[in-house]
């Protein structure tokens, strides 16, 4: 599949949001002190971060200074009417974004989404690679990705991209006690 990645401005976040981020949860990782992450089945449900967080991509501009953020879009098809099939947002050098830890050598893959019709076709990998290169160009040593234990497919995806699991925070989400924060890291210096 011929996927074209384009860097856009934060003005495109409204259109960016048109790509669904929802996914089906049928299993989750249980944190086991002796075995690490152990996959276990759960009653299936749909998780939609845009719907449940009360925030979506357009609101990020009002909450943070996004002038140092990268907004990527993935398109397929020929011009003049290519189809937007995915996107990624990278946060960097932004006061108030706790995940950045006050570091200017760390970038956070804030969001990565691929239209359901195009998942498992390499679109996410292309977006991830571009996000990593975008971060390297800004002198970052690491790219961090936050996900949750309920997003098993994302965890596997980030591991395939070369990330390692650096932090497990079982109490990160007070309003979602059944979800565990998992922070993945990619070494950008290798």
Foldseek 3Di string as FASTA:
>chain_A
DDKDKDWDDLVCQVVQPVAFAKDKFQWFWDQDPVPGTDIDGDDIDIDGCCVPVVDGSVCVVVVWVCPVKIKMWMWDDDPPDTDTFWIWMKGADTPPPVVNVNDRQEIEGADIGGHPVCPPVCPRVVRVVVNLVSSVVSNHQKYKYKDKRRPVVVVVVLVVSVWDWDDWAQPPDVVCNVIIITMIMHGSVD
